[in-house]
């Protein structure tokens, strides 16, 4: 079943010695979940491709779901972006029966 997730990618400067990209993943009914890939190799002026890869890799690492498609919309160039991830939901190991 195709499922979508969305959130925000932003350039975090709260730790001056280690600024980096951080994701806020929207969660229905809850506050956004902060996902910090702690990847200092992706520069602030990263290409769209680098940012899409960062989102996909981080989403997969944190949720266990493999993104099929990631889209990115600039809100404030090199500072803040909106993203959307499409993935096929895989049931937990052992499969849930309903």
C-alpha atoms as a PDB file:
ATOM      1  CA  UNK A   1       0.000   0.000   0.000  1.00  0.00           C
ATOM      2  CA  UNK A   2       1.445   3.371  -1.029  1.00  0.00           C
ATOM      3  CA  UNK A   3       1.886   5.684   1.904  1.00  0.00           C
ATOM      4  CA  UNK A   4       3.142   9.243   2.178  1.00  0.00           C
ATOM      5  CA  UNK A   5       5.084  11.118   4.810  1.00  0.00           C
ATOM      6  CA  UNK A   6       6.001  14.774   4.802  1.00  0.00           C
ATOM      7  CA  UNK A   7       8.047  17.207   6.762  1.00  0.00           C
ATOM      8  CA  UNK A   8      10.618  19.938   6.712  1.00  0.00           C
ATOM      9  CA  UNK A   9      14.345  19.927   6.073  1.00  0.00           C
ATOM     10  CA  UNK A  10      16.214  22.851   7.564  1.00  0.00           C
ATOM     11  CA  UNK A  11      19.747  24.099   8.126  1.00  0.00           C
ATOM     12  CA  UNK A  12      20.325  23.855  11.885  1.00  0.00           C
ATOM     13  CA  UNK A  13      22.825  26.288  13.392  1.00  0.00           C
ATOM     14  CA  UNK A  14      22.028  25.719  17.074  1.00  0.00           C
ATOM     15  CA  UNK A  15      25.427  24.063  17.475  1.00  0.00           C
ATOM     16  CA  UNK A  16      27.684  26.720  15.964  1.00  0.00           C
ATOM     17  CA  UNK A  17      30.650  24.368  15.650  1.00  0.00           C
ATOM     18  CA  UNK A  18      28.610  21.786  13.717  1.00  0.00           C
ATOM     19  CA  UNK A  19      25.816  23.286  11.590  1.00  0.00           C
ATOM     20  CA  UNK A  20      23.973  20.653   9.562  1.00  0.00           C
ATOM     21  CA  UNK A  21      20.741  19.623   7.850  1.00  0.00           C
ATOM     22  CA  UNK A  22      17.995  18.274  10.134  1.00  0.00           C
ATOM     23  CA  UNK A  23      14.582  16.809   9.264  1.00  0.00           C
ATOM     24  CA  UNK A  24      11.276  17.353  11.044  1.00  0.00           C
ATOM     25  CA  UNK A  25       8.947  14.487  10.118  1.00  0.00           C
ATOM     26  CA  UNK A  26       5.241  15.308  10.464  1.00  0.00           C
ATOM     27  CA  UNK A  27       3.255  12.852  12.586  1.00  0.00           C
ATOM     28  CA  UNK A  28      -0.548  12.961  12.576  1.00  0.00           C
ATOM     29  CA  UNK A  29      -1.788  14.088  15.982  1.00  0.00           C
ATOM     30  CA  UNK A  30       1.715  14.530  17.411  1.00  0.00           C
ATOM     31  CA  UNK A  31       4.505  17.065  17.323  1.00  0.00           C
ATOM     32  CA  UNK A  32       6.937  16.612  14.427  1.00  0.00           C
ATOM     33  CA  UNK A  33       9.688  14.051  15.034  1.00  0.00           C
ATOM     34  CA  UNK A  34      13.205  15.505  14.782  1.00  0.00           C
ATOM     35  CA  UNK A  35      15.487  13.293  12.707  1.00  0.00           C
ATOM     36  CA  UNK A  36      19.137  14.314  12.880  1.00  0.00           C
ATOM     37  CA  UNK A  37      21.307  12.433  10.394  1.00  0.00           C
ATOM     38  CA  UNK A  38      24.379  14.095  11.979  1.00  0.00           C
ATOM     39  CA  UNK A  39      25.950  14.245   8.532  1.00  0.00           C
ATOM     40  CA  UNK A  40      28.367  17.154   8.530  1.00  0.00           C
ATOM     41  CA  UNK A  41      29.522  16.337   4.977  1.00  0.00           C
ATOM     42  CA  UNK A  42      26.407  17.776   3.314  1.00  0.00           C
ATOM     43  CA  UNK A  43      27.060  21.511   2.890  1.00  0.00           C
ATOM     44  CA  UNK A  44      24.510  24.262   3.304  1.00  0.00           C
ATOM     45  CA  UNK A  45      24.614  24.893  -0.454  1.00  0.00           C
ATOM     46  CA  UNK A  46      24.121  21.198  -1.232  1.00  0.00           C
ATOM     47  CA  UNK A  47      22.616  20.196  -4.557  1.00  0.00           C
ATOM     48  CA  UNK A  48      19.003  19.064  -4.754  1.00  0.00           C
ATOM     49  CA  UNK A  49      20.259  15.533  -5.433  1.00  0.00           C
ATOM     50  CA  UNK A  50      22.358  15.536  -2.228  1.00  0.00           C
ATOM     51  CA  UNK A  51      19.382  16.737  -0.187  1.00  0.00           C
ATOM     52  CA  UNK A  52      17.041  14.131  -1.704  1.00  0.00           C
ATOM     53  CA  UNK A  53      19.564  11.395  -0.887  1.00  0.00           C
ATOM     54  CA  UNK A  54      19.948  12.706   2.665  1.00  0.00           C
ATOM     55  CA  UNK A  55      16.174  12.671   3.198  1.00  0.00           C
ATOM     56  CA  UNK A  56      15.782   9.185   1.724  1.00  0.00           C
ATOM     57  CA  UNK A  57      18.670   7.695   3.678  1.00  0.00           C
ATOM     58  CA  UNK A  58      17.611   9.296   6.959  1.00  0.00           C
ATOM     59  CA  UNK A  59      13.955   8.320   6.500  1.00  0.00           C
ATOM     60  CA  UNK A  60      14.947   4.705   5.807  1.00  0.00           C
ATOM     61  CA  UNK A  61      17.350   4.577   8.773  1.00  0.00           C
ATOM     62  CA  UNK A  62      14.811   6.026  11.216  1.00  0.00           C
ATOM     63  CA  UNK A  63      11.608   4.312  10.037  1.00  0.00           C
ATOM     64  CA  UNK A  64      12.818   1.128   8.356  1.00  0.00           C
ATOM     65  CA  UNK A  65      10.743   2.052   5.302  1.00  0.00           C
ATOM     66  CA  UNK A  66      12.484   2.374   1.928  1.00  0.00           C
ATOM     67  CA  UNK A  67      11.387   5.508   0.051  1.00  0.00           C
ATOM     68  CA  UNK A  68      10.297   5.010  -3.549  1.00  0.00           C
ATOM     69  CA  UNK A  69      10.123   8.718  -4.311  1.00  0.00           C
ATOM     70  CA  UNK A  70      11.188  11.878  -2.499  1.00  0.00           C
ATOM     71  CA  UNK A  71      10.156  15.382  -3.574  1.00  0.00           C
ATOM     72  CA  UNK A  72      11.574  18.635  -2.311  1.00  0.00           C
ATOM     73  CA  UNK A  73      10.115  22.165  -2.431  1.00  0.00           C
ATOM     74  CA  UNK A  74      12.241  25.162  -1.457  1.00  0.00           C
ATOM     75  CA  UNK A  75      10.738  27.444   1.177  1.00  0.00           C
ATOM     76  CA  UNK A  76      13.876  29.483   1.817  1.00  0.00           C
ATOM     77  CA  UNK A  77      16.764  28.463  -0.468  1.00  0.00           C
ATOM     78  CA  UNK A  78      19.732  26.917   1.358  1.00  0.00           C
ATOM     79  CA  UNK A  79      17.839  27.275   4.656  1.00  0.00           C
ATOM     80  CA  UNK A  80      14.489  25.448   4.640  1.00  0.00           C
ATOM     81  CA  UNK A  81      12.620  22.989   2.395  1.00  0.00           C
ATOM     82  CA  UNK A  82       9.367  21.022   2.511  1.00  0.00           C
ATOM     83  CA  UNK A  83       9.668  17.355   1.565  1.00  0.00           C
ATOM     84  CA  UNK A  84       7.340  14.477   0.789  1.00  0.00           C
ATOM     85  CA  UNK A  85       8.282  10.801   0.807  1.00  0.00           C
ATOM     86  CA  UNK A  86       6.313   8.068  -0.940  1.00  0.00           C
ATOM     87  CA  UNK A  87       6.897   4.519   0.257  1.00  0.00           C
ATOM     88  CA  UNK A  88       5.151   1.166   0.353  1.00  0.00           C
ATOM     89  CA  UNK A  89       4.267   0.342   3.937  1.00  0.00           C
ATOM     90  CA  UNK A  90       5.704  -2.990   5.023  1.00  0.00           C
ATOM     91  CA  UNK A  91       4.047  -4.690   7.955  1.00  0.00           C
ATOM     92  CA  UNK A  92       6.151  -5.476  11.047  1.00  0.00           C
ATOM     93  CA  UNK A  93       8.089  -8.776  11.065  1.00  0.00           C
ATOM     94  CA  UNK A  94       5.701 -11.660  11.554  1.00  0.00           C
ATOM     95  CA  UNK A  95       2.965  -9.657   9.826  1.00  0.00           C
ATOM     96  CA  UNK A  96      -0.025  -8.191  11.554  1.00  0.00           C
ATOM     97  CA  UNK A  97      -3.278 -10.028  11.182  1.00  0.00           C
ATOM     98  CA  UNK A  98      -6.512  -8.245  11.583  1.00  0.00           C
END
